[in-house]
């Protein structure tokens, strides 16, 4: 829910470099650690559920950790896009 705000703050800090207060950095580190933990846990649980071998599970977990910034940026862009360009029609997705 705070991903778009975090993305905007990160971009602001890249443009206007300022010292980040410790309490804000601590909160950001906690949010990042929680985000990383949930992604890695989901990856491991999914691989264990599919009975994937240990090598593939470790490889996929490392890939998940490496690609986390990309997925975070894509989630932020998707949320901002959804907030700025809402659709006015109701769509039913057929499976």
PDB file of N, CA and C in Angstrom:
ATOM      1  N   UNK A   1       0.819  -1.192   0.000  1.00  0.00           N
ATOM      2  CA  UNK A   1       0.000   0.000   0.000  1.00  0.00           C
ATOM      3  C   UNK A   1       0.868   1.263   0.000  1.00  0.00           C
ATOM      4  N   UNK A   2       2.041   1.202   0.615  1.00  0.00           N
ATOM      5  CA  UNK A   2       2.901   2.385   0.649  1.00  0.00           C
ATOM      6  C   UNK A   2       3.991   2.320  -0.412  1.00  0.00           C
ATOM      7  N   UNK A   3       3.911   1.333  -1.278  1.00  0.00           N
ATOM      8  CA  UNK A   3       4.942   1.160  -2.306  1.00  0.00           C
ATOM      9  C   UNK A   3       5.089   2.383  -3.214  1.00  0.00           C
ATOM     10  N   UNK A   4       3.988   2.988  -3.713  1.00  0.00           N
ATOM     11  CA  UNK A   4       4.162   4.174  -4.564  1.00  0.00           C
ATOM     12  C   UNK A   4       4.828   5.329  -3.821  1.00  0.00           C
ATOM     13  N   UNK A   5       4.472   5.513  -2.554  1.00  0.00           N
ATOM     14  CA  UNK A   5       5.082   6.569  -1.760  1.00  0.00           C
ATOM     15  C   UNK A   5       6.566   6.298  -1.564  1.00  0.00           C
ATOM     16  N   UNK A   6       6.911   5.055  -1.280  1.00  0.00           N
ATOM     17  CA  UNK A   6       8.321   4.690  -1.110  1.00  0.00           C
ATOM     18  C   UNK A   6       9.106   4.914  -2.392  1.00  0.00           C
ATOM     19  N   UNK A   7       8.498   4.587  -3.526  1.00  0.00           N
ATOM     20  CA  UNK A   7       9.145   4.791  -4.817  1.00  0.00           C
ATOM     21  C   UNK A   7       9.387   6.275  -5.072  1.00  0.00           C
ATOM     22  N   UNK A   8       8.394   7.105  -4.764  1.00  0.00           N
ATOM     23  CA  UNK A   8       8.556   8.545  -4.964  1.00  0.00           C
ATOM     24  C   UNK A   8       9.610   9.131  -4.028  1.00  0.00           C
ATOM     25  N   UNK A   9       9.653   8.664  -2.788  1.00  0.00           N
ATOM     26  CA  UNK A   9      10.665   9.135  -1.839  1.00  0.00           C
ATOM     27  C   UNK A   9      12.063   8.731  -2.302  1.00  0.00           C
ATOM     28  N   UNK A  10      12.199   7.512  -2.806  1.00  0.00           N
ATOM     29  CA  UNK A  10      13.497   7.049  -3.300  1.00  0.00           C
ATOM     30  C   UNK A  10      13.953   7.890  -4.495  1.00  0.00           C
ATOM     31  N   UNK A  11      13.042   8.185  -5.404  1.00  0.00           N
ATOM     32  CA  UNK A  11      13.388   9.025  -6.552  1.00  0.00           C
ATOM     33  C   UNK A  11      13.752  10.443  -6.109  1.00  0.00           C
ATOM     34  N   UNK A  12      13.022  10.975  -5.137  1.00  0.00           N
ATOM     35  CA  UNK A  12      13.318  12.308  -4.612  1.00  0.00           C
ATOM     36  C   UNK A  12      14.713  12.333  -3.992  1.00  0.00           C
ATOM     37  N   UNK A  13      15.061  11.274  -3.252  1.00  0.00           N
ATOM     38  CA  UNK A  13      16.374  11.222  -2.611  1.00  0.00           C
ATOM     39  C   UNK A  13      17.499  11.068  -3.632  1.00  0.00           C
ATOM     40  N   UNK A  14      17.223  10.458  -4.770  1.00  0.00           N
ATOM     41  CA  UNK A  14      18.239  10.373  -5.821  1.00  0.00           C
ATOM     42  C   UNK A  14      18.510  11.739  -6.439  1.00  0.00           C
ATOM     43  N   UNK A  15      17.462  12.525  -6.592  1.00  0.00           N
ATOM     44  CA  UNK A  15      17.611  13.849  -7.214  1.00  0.00           C
ATOM     45  C   UNK A  15      18.163  14.858  -6.213  1.00  0.00           C
ATOM     46  N   UNK A  16      17.554  14.935  -5.047  1.00  0.00           N
ATOM     47  CA  UNK A  16      17.973  15.880  -4.012  1.00  0.00           C
ATOM     48  C   UNK A  16      18.613  15.098  -2.868  1.00  0.00           C
ATOM     49  N   UNK A  17      19.914  14.928  -2.923  1.00  0.00           N
ATOM     50  CA  UNK A  17      20.590  14.124  -1.900  1.00  0.00           C
ATOM     51  C   UNK A  17      20.597  14.858  -0.558  1.00  0.00           C
ATOM     52  N   UNK A  18      20.009  14.227   0.407  1.00  0.00           N
ATOM     53  CA  UNK A  18      19.966  14.742   1.777  1.00  0.00           C
ATOM     54  C   UNK A  18      20.174  13.574   2.731  1.00  0.00           C
ATOM     55  N   UNK A  19      20.601  13.885   3.915  1.00  0.00           N
ATOM     56  CA  UNK A  19      20.786  12.839   4.920  1.00  0.00           C
ATOM     57  C   UNK A  19      19.421  12.346   5.397  1.00  0.00           C
ATOM     58  N   UNK A  20      19.253  11.055   5.445  1.00  0.00           N
ATOM     59  CA  UNK A  20      17.998  10.468   5.900  1.00  0.00           C
ATOM     60  C   UNK A  20      18.045  10.325   7.417  1.00  0.00           C
ATOM     61  N   UNK A  21      17.011  10.802   8.115  1.00  0.00           N
ATOM     62  CA  UNK A  21      16.983  10.631   9.570  1.00  0.00           C
ATOM     63  C   UNK A  21      17.014   9.146   9.943  1.00  0.00           C
ATOM     64  N   UNK A  22      17.638   8.840  11.064  1.00  0.00           N
ATOM     65  CA  UNK A  22      17.807   7.443  11.484  1.00  0.00           C
ATOM     66  C   UNK A  22      16.472   6.731  11.646  1.00  0.00           C
ATOM     67  N   UNK A  23      15.486   7.396  12.251  1.00  0.00           N
ATOM     68  CA  UNK A  23      14.201   6.760  12.488  1.00  0.00           C
ATOM     69  C   UNK A  23      13.508   6.418  11.181  1.00  0.00           C
ATOM     70  N   UNK A  24      13.687   7.260  10.156  1.00  0.00           N
ATOM     71  CA  UNK A  24      13.083   6.993   8.856  1.00  0.00           C
ATOM     72  C   UNK A  24      13.810   5.845   8.157  1.00  0.00           C
ATOM     73  N   UNK A  25      15.135   5.832   8.253  1.00  0.00           N
ATOM     74  CA  UNK A  25      15.922   4.746   7.658  1.00  0.00           C
ATOM     75  C   UNK A  25      15.597   3.416   8.338  1.00  0.00           C
ATOM     76  N   UNK A  26      15.407   3.439   9.637  1.00  0.00           N
ATOM     77  CA  UNK A  26      15.070   2.229  10.369  1.00  0.00           C
ATOM     78  C   UNK A  26      13.716   1.686   9.935  1.00  0.00           C
ATOM     79  N   UNK A  27      12.756   2.568   9.785  1.00  0.00           N
ATOM     80  CA  UNK A  27      11.428   2.148   9.309  1.00  0.00           C
ATOM     81  C   UNK A  27      11.494   1.595   7.891  1.00  0.00           C
ATOM     82  N   UNK A  28      12.275   2.249   7.035  1.00  0.00           N
ATOM     83  CA  UNK A  28      12.436   1.771   5.666  1.00  0.00           C
ATOM     84  C   UNK A  28      13.125   0.419   5.610  1.00  0.00           C
ATOM     85  N   UNK A  29      14.129   0.234   6.459  1.00  0.00           N
ATOM     86  CA  UNK A  29      14.834  -1.053   6.508  1.00  0.00           C
ATOM     87  C   UNK A  29      13.906  -2.163   6.987  1.00  0.00           C
ATOM     88  N   UNK A  30      13.042  -1.863   7.950  1.00  0.00           N
ATOM     89  CA  UNK A  30      12.081  -2.851   8.428  1.00  0.00           C
ATOM     90  C   UNK A  30      11.098  -3.225   7.328  1.00  0.00           C
ATOM     91  N   UNK A  31      10.588  -2.231   6.603  1.00  0.00           N
ATOM     92  CA  UNK A  31       9.658  -2.503   5.495  1.00  0.00           C
ATOM     93  C   UNK A  31      10.326  -3.351   4.421  1.00  0.00           C
ATOM     94  N   UNK A  32      11.569  -3.020   4.087  1.00  0.00           N
ATOM     95  CA  UNK A  32      12.282  -3.785   3.068  1.00  0.00           C
ATOM     96  C   UNK A  32      12.535  -5.208   3.525  1.00  0.00           C
ATOM     97  N   UNK A  33      12.942  -5.380   4.783  1.00  0.00           N
ATOM     98  CA  UNK A  33      13.218  -6.720   5.305  1.00  0.00           C
ATOM     99  C   UNK A  33      11.950  -7.571   5.309  1.00  0.00           C
ATOM    100  N   UNK A  34      10.827  -6.979   5.679  1.00  0.00           N
ATOM    101  CA  UNK A  34       9.556  -7.699   5.663  1.00  0.00           C
ATOM    102  C   UNK A  34       9.167  -8.090   4.250  1.00  0.00           C
ATOM    103  N   UNK A  35       9.329  -7.159   3.312  1.00  0.00           N
ATOM    104  CA  UNK A  35       9.013  -7.390   1.906  1.00  0.00           C
ATOM    105  C   UNK A  35       9.873  -8.521   1.348  1.00  0.00           C
ATOM    106  N   UNK A  36      11.166  -8.478   1.623  1.00  0.00           N
ATOM    107  CA  UNK A  36      12.097  -9.509   1.154  1.00  0.00           C
ATOM    108  C   UNK A  36      11.750 -10.865   1.774  1.00  0.00           C
ATOM    109  N   UNK A  37      11.481 -10.882   3.063  1.00  0.00           N
ATOM    110  CA  UNK A  37      11.143 -12.122   3.757  1.00  0.00           C
ATOM    111  C   UNK A  37       9.898 -12.771   3.158  1.00  0.00           C
ATOM    112  N   UNK A  38       8.870 -11.966   2.904  1.00  0.00           N
ATOM    113  CA  UNK A  38       7.632 -12.528   2.362  1.00  0.00           C
ATOM    114  C   UNK A  38       7.830 -13.086   0.959  1.00  0.00           C
ATOM    115  N   UNK A  39       8.589 -12.399   0.132  1.00  0.00           N
ATOM    116  CA  UNK A  39       8.868 -12.902  -1.216  1.00  0.00           C
ATOM    117  C   UNK A  39       9.668 -14.204  -1.160  1.00  0.00           C
ATOM    118  N   UNK A  40      10.703 -14.242  -0.332  1.00  0.00           N
ATOM    119  CA  UNK A  40      11.534 -15.448  -0.241  1.00  0.00           C
ATOM    120  C   UNK A  40      10.754 -16.616   0.361  1.00  0.00           C
ATOM    121  N   UNK A  41       9.962 -16.340   1.375  1.00  0.00           N
ATOM    122  CA  UNK A  41       9.147 -17.390   1.974  1.00  0.00           C
ATOM    123  C   UNK A  41       8.153 -17.941   0.953  1.00  0.00           C
ATOM    124  N   UNK A  42       7.524 -17.063   0.192  1.00  0.00           N
ATOM    125  CA  UNK A  42       6.596 -17.506  -0.840  1.00  0.00           C
ATOM    126  C   UNK A  42       7.279 -18.358  -1.888  1.00  0.00           C
ATOM    127  N   UNK A  43       8.484 -17.979  -2.269  1.00  0.00           N
ATOM    128  CA  UNK A  43       9.242 -18.747  -3.254  1.00  0.00           C
ATOM    129  C   UNK A  43       9.566 -20.140  -2.725  1.00  0.00           C
ATOM    130  N   UNK A  44      10.036 -20.222  -1.498  1.00  0.00           N
ATOM    131  CA  UNK A  44      10.400 -21.517  -0.908  1.00  0.00           C
ATOM    132  C   UNK A  44       9.157 -22.394  -0.733  1.00  0.00           C
ATOM    133  N   UNK A  45       8.076 -21.830  -0.208  1.00  0.00           N
ATOM    134  CA  UNK A  45       6.858 -22.610   0.017  1.00  0.00           C
ATOM    135  C   UNK A  45       6.301 -23.134  -1.311  1.00  0.00           C
ATOM    136  N   UNK A  46       6.316 -22.303  -2.341  1.00  0.00           N
ATOM    137  CA  UNK A  46       5.825 -22.726  -3.647  1.00  0.00           C
ATOM    138  C   UNK A  46       6.673 -23.870  -4.206  1.00  0.00           C
ATOM    139  N   UNK A  47       7.987 -23.777  -4.070  1.00  0.00           N
ATOM    140  CA  UNK A  47       8.859 -24.831  -4.577  1.00  0.00           C
ATOM    141  C   UNK A  47       8.737 -26.117  -3.772  1.00  0.00           C
ATOM    142  N   UNK A  48       8.574 -26.001  -2.472  1.00  0.00           N
ATOM    143  CA  UNK A  48       8.383 -27.196  -1.639  1.00  0.00           C
ATOM    144  C   UNK A  48       7.044 -27.852  -1.982  1.00  0.00           C
ATOM    145  N   UNK A  49       6.014 -27.025  -2.213  1.00  0.00           N
ATOM    146  CA  UNK A  49       4.697 -27.546  -2.561  1.00  0.00           C
ATOM    147  C   UNK A  49       4.727 -28.304  -3.894  1.00  0.00           C
ATOM    148  N   UNK A  50       5.529 -27.809  -4.842  1.00  0.00           N
ATOM    149  CA  UNK A  50       5.642 -28.477  -6.148  1.00  0.00           C
ATOM    150  C   UNK A  50       6.664 -29.615  -6.132  1.00  0.00           C
ATOM    151  N   UNK A  51       7.263 -29.843  -4.971  1.00  0.00           N
ATOM    152  CA  UNK A  51       8.285 -30.888  -4.798  1.00  0.00           C
ATOM    153  C   UNK A  51       9.471 -30.687  -5.745  1.00  0.00           C
ATOM    154  N   UNK A  52       9.908 -29.438  -5.847  1.00  0.00           N
ATOM    155  CA  UNK A  52      11.074 -29.095  -6.650  1.00  0.00           C
ATOM    156  C   UNK A  52      12.327 -29.503  -5.882  1.00  0.00           C
ATOM    157  N   UNK A  53      13.366 -29.872  -6.596  1.00  0.00           N
ATOM    158  CA  UNK A  53      14.618 -30.267  -5.956  1.00  0.00           C
ATOM    159  C   UNK A  53      15.264 -29.110  -5.210  1.00  0.00           C
ATOM    160  N   UNK A  54      16.197 -29.448  -4.327  1.00  0.00           N
ATOM    161  CA  UNK A  54      16.846 -28.441  -3.488  1.00  0.00           C
ATOM    162  C   UNK A  54      17.665 -27.463  -4.318  1.00  0.00           C
ATOM    163  N   UNK A  55      18.327 -27.935  -5.364  1.00  0.00           N
ATOM    164  CA  UNK A  55      19.132 -27.037  -6.203  1.00  0.00           C
ATOM    165  C   UNK A  55      18.267 -25.980  -6.884  1.00  0.00           C
ATOM    166  N   UNK A  56      17.162 -26.424  -7.482  1.00  0.00           N
ATOM    167  CA  UNK A  56      16.269 -25.473  -8.152  1.00  0.00           C
ATOM    168  C   UNK A  56      15.645 -24.507  -7.145  1.00  0.00           C
ATOM    169  N   UNK A  57      15.314 -25.014  -5.975  1.00  0.00           N
ATOM    170  CA  UNK A  57      14.722 -24.159  -4.950  1.00  0.00           C
ATOM    171  C   UNK A  57      15.694 -23.065  -4.532  1.00  0.00           C
ATOM    172  N   UNK A  58      16.942 -23.428  -4.302  1.00  0.00           N
ATOM    173  CA  UNK A  58      17.955 -22.438  -3.921  1.00  0.00           C
ATOM    174  C   UNK A  58      18.185 -21.445  -5.059  1.00  0.00           C
ATOM    175  N   UNK A  59      18.294 -21.946  -6.295  1.00  0.00           N
ATOM    176  CA  UNK A  59      18.504 -21.075  -7.447  1.00  0.00           C
ATOM    177  C   UNK A  59      17.353 -20.092  -7.614  1.00  0.00           C
ATOM    178  N   UNK A  60      16.134 -20.582  -7.505  1.00  0.00           N
ATOM    179  CA  UNK A  60      14.962 -19.703  -7.652  1.00  0.00           C
ATOM    180  C   UNK A  60      14.858 -18.700  -6.504  1.00  0.00           C
ATOM    181  N   UNK A  61      15.273 -19.103  -5.320  1.00  0.00           N
ATOM    182  CA  UNK A  61      15.245 -18.182  -4.182  1.00  0.00           C
ATOM    183  C   UNK A  61      16.263 -17.054  -4.378  1.00  0.00           C
ATOM    184  N   UNK A  62      17.436 -17.386  -4.875  1.00  0.00           N
ATOM    185  CA  UNK A  62      18.445 -16.362  -5.163  1.00  0.00           C
ATOM    186  C   UNK A  62      17.949 -15.438  -6.283  1.00  0.00           C
ATOM    187  N   UNK A  63      17.344 -16.016  -7.309  1.00  0.00           N
ATOM    188  CA  UNK A  63      16.800 -15.199  -8.399  1.00  0.00           C
ATOM    189  C   UNK A  63      15.715 -14.259  -7.888  1.00  0.00           C
ATOM    190  N   UNK A  64      14.892 -14.745  -6.984  1.00  0.00           N
ATOM    191  CA  UNK A  64      13.842 -13.910  -6.402  1.00  0.00           C
ATOM    192  C   UNK A  64      14.449 -12.725  -5.656  1.00  0.00           C
ATOM    193  N   UNK A  65      15.496 -12.970  -4.891  1.00  0.00           N
ATOM    194  CA  UNK A  65      16.145 -11.896  -4.135  1.00  0.00           C
ATOM    195  C   UNK A  65      16.795 -10.878  -5.078  1.00  0.00           C
ATOM    196  N   UNK A  66      17.413 -11.365  -6.147  1.00  0.00           N
ATOM    197  CA  UNK A  66      18.089 -10.466  -7.093  1.00  0.00           C
ATOM    198  C   UNK A  66      17.078  -9.625  -7.862  1.00  0.00           C
ATOM    199  N   UNK A  67      15.952 -10.225  -8.237  1.00  0.00           N
ATOM    200  CA  UNK A  67      14.946  -9.520  -9.037  1.00  0.00           C
ATOM    201  C   UNK A  67      13.932  -8.744  -8.195  1.00  0.00           C
ATOM    202  N   UNK A  68      14.109  -8.723  -6.892  1.00  0.00           N
ATOM    203  CA  UNK A  68      13.174  -8.018  -6.016  1.00  0.00           C
ATOM    204  C   UNK A  68      13.039  -6.534  -6.349  1.00  0.00           C
ATOM    205  N   UNK A  69      14.122  -5.797  -6.622  1.00  0.00           N
ATOM    206  CA  UNK A  69      13.935  -4.382  -6.983  1.00  0.00           C
ATOM    207  C   UNK A  69      13.115  -4.190  -8.254  1.00  0.00           C
ATOM    208  N   UNK A  70      13.266  -5.093  -9.205  1.00  0.00           N
ATOM    209  CA  UNK A  70      12.499  -4.991 -10.448  1.00  0.00           C
ATOM    210  C   UNK A  70      11.013  -5.212 -10.168  1.00  0.00           C
ATOM    211  N   UNK A  71      10.696  -6.252  -9.410  1.00  0.00           N
ATOM    212  CA  UNK A  71       9.287  -6.518  -9.106  1.00  0.00           C
ATOM    213  C   UNK A  71       8.682  -5.404  -8.250  1.00  0.00           C
ATOM    214  N   UNK A  72       9.461  -4.844  -7.365  1.00  0.00           N
ATOM    215  CA  UNK A  72       8.981  -3.740  -6.542  1.00  0.00           C
ATOM    216  C   UNK A  72       8.664  -2.519  -7.397  1.00  0.00           C
ATOM    217  N   UNK A  73       9.553  -2.212  -8.331  1.00  0.00           N
ATOM    218  CA  UNK A  73       9.317  -1.073  -9.232  1.00  0.00           C
ATOM    219  C   UNK A  73       8.082  -1.313 -10.098  1.00  0.00           C
ATOM    220  N   UNK A  74       7.921  -2.527 -10.605  1.00  0.00           N
ATOM    221  CA  UNK A  74       6.755  -2.840 -11.436  1.00  0.00           C
ATOM    222  C   UNK A  74       5.461  -2.753 -10.631  1.00  0.00           C
ATOM    223  N   UNK A  75       5.476  -3.203  -9.388  1.00  0.00           N
ATOM    224  CA  UNK A  75       4.295  -3.081  -8.535  1.00  0.00           C
ATOM    225  C   UNK A  75       3.954  -1.619  -8.279  1.00  0.00           C
ATOM    226  N   UNK A  76       4.977  -0.812  -8.017  1.00  0.00           N
ATOM    227  CA  UNK A  76       4.748   0.613  -7.791  1.00  0.00           C
ATOM    228  C   UNK A  76       4.166   1.297  -9.009  1.00  0.00           C
ATOM    229  N   UNK A  77       4.701   0.992 -10.179  1.00  0.00           N
ATOM    230  CA  UNK A  77       4.190   1.575 -11.423  1.00  0.00           C
ATOM    231  C   UNK A  77       2.752   1.123 -11.673  1.00  0.00           C
ATOM    232  N   UNK A  78       2.456  -0.141 -11.399  1.00  0.00           N
ATOM    233  CA  UNK A  78       1.098  -0.653 -11.594  1.00  0.00           C
ATOM    234  C   UNK A  78       0.100   0.047 -10.663  1.00  0.00           C
ATOM    235  N   UNK A  79       0.501   0.272  -9.433  1.00  0.00           N
ATOM    236  CA  UNK A  79      -0.394   0.954  -8.483  1.00  0.00           C
ATOM    237  C   UNK A  79      -0.619   2.399  -8.899  1.00  0.00           C
ATOM    238  N   UNK A  80       0.455   3.090  -9.263  1.00  0.00           N
ATOM    239  CA  UNK A  80       0.320   4.486  -9.695  1.00  0.00           C
ATOM    240  C   UNK A  80      -0.535   4.561 -10.956  1.00  0.00           C
ATOM    241  N   UNK A  81      -0.326   3.638 -11.891  1.00  0.00           N
ATOM    242  CA  UNK A  81      -1.120   3.607 -13.118  1.00  0.00           C
ATOM    243  C   UNK A  81      -2.592   3.345 -12.806  1.00  0.00           C
ATOM    244  N   UNK A  82      -2.860   2.439 -11.900  1.00  0.00           N
ATOM    245  CA  UNK A  82      -4.239   2.158 -11.522  1.00  0.00           C
ATOM    246  C   UNK A  82      -4.920   3.329 -10.836  1.00  0.00           C
ATOM    247  N   UNK A  83      -4.149   4.092 -10.082  1.00  0.00           N
ATOM    248  CA  UNK A  83      -4.729   5.255  -9.400  1.00  0.00           C
ATOM    249  C   UNK A  83      -4.945   6.431 -10.344  1.00  0.00           C
ATOM    250  N   UNK A  84      -4.076   6.584 -11.328  1.00  0.00           N
ATOM    251  CA  UNK A  84      -4.179   7.731 -12.231  1.00  0.00           C
ATOM    252  C   UNK A  84      -5.040   7.468 -13.457  1.00  0.00           C
ATOM    253  N   UNK A  85      -5.213   6.205 -13.834  1.00  0.00           N
ATOM    254  CA  UNK A  85      -6.009   5.856 -15.009  1.00  0.00           C
ATOM    255  C   UNK A  85      -7.047   4.788 -14.658  1.00  0.00           C
ATOM    256  N   UNK A  86      -8.013   5.120 -13.820  1.00  0.00           N
ATOM    257  CA  UNK A  86      -9.002   4.096 -13.469  1.00  0.00           C
ATOM    258  C   UNK A  86      -9.938   3.813 -14.650  1.00  0.00           C
ATOM    259  N   UNK A  87     -10.368   2.568 -14.760  1.00  0.00           N
ATOM    260  CA  UNK A  87     -11.318   2.215 -15.809  1.00  0.00           C
ATOM    261  C   UNK A  87     -12.731   2.409 -15.284  1.00  0.00           C
ATOM    262  N   UNK A  88     -13.623   2.805 -16.151  1.00  0.00           N
ATOM    263  CA  UNK A  88     -15.001   3.054 -15.754  1.00  0.00           C
ATOM    264  C   UNK A  88     -15.918   1.879 -16.068  1.00  0.00           C
ATOM    265  N   UNK A  89     -15.356   0.818 -16.595  1.00  0.00           N
ATOM    266  CA  UNK A  89     -16.203  -0.319 -16.949  1.00  0.00           C
ATOM    267  C   UNK A  89     -15.868  -1.523 -16.066  1.00  0.00           C
ATOM    268  N   UNK A  90     -16.848  -2.382 -15.913  1.00  0.00           N
ATOM    269  CA  UNK A  90     -16.688  -3.593 -15.116  1.00  0.00           C
ATOM    270  C   UNK A  90     -16.300  -4.711 -16.065  1.00  0.00           C
ATOM    271  N   UNK A  91     -15.188  -5.376 -15.789  1.00  0.00           N
ATOM    272  CA  UNK A  91     -14.720  -6.430 -16.677  1.00  0.00           C
ATOM    273  C   UNK A  91     -14.776  -7.776 -15.967  1.00  0.00           C
ATOM    274  N   UNK A  92     -15.273  -8.778 -16.681  1.00  0.00           N
ATOM    275  CA  UNK A  92     -15.302 -10.142 -16.159  1.00  0.00           C
ATOM    276  C   UNK A  92     -14.232 -10.927 -16.879  1.00  0.00           C
ATOM    277  N   UNK A  93     -13.328 -11.529 -16.105  1.00  0.00           N
ATOM    278  CA  UNK A  93     -12.249 -12.295 -16.686  1.00  0.00           C
ATOM    279  C   UNK A  93     -12.658 -13.763 -16.700  1.00  0.00           C
ATOM    280  N   UNK A  94     -12.734 -14.341 -17.888  1.00  0.00           N
ATOM    281  CA  UNK A  94     -13.120 -15.751 -18.020  1.00  0.00           C
ATOM    282  C   UNK A  94     -11.882 -16.611 -18.022  1.00  0.00           C
ATOM    283  N   UNK A  95     -11.942 -17.700 -17.296  1.00  0.00           N
ATOM    284  CA  UNK A  95     -10.797 -18.617 -17.235  1.00  0.00           C
ATOM    285  C   UNK A  95     -11.068 -19.840 -18.059  1.00  0.00           C
TER     286      UNK A  95
END
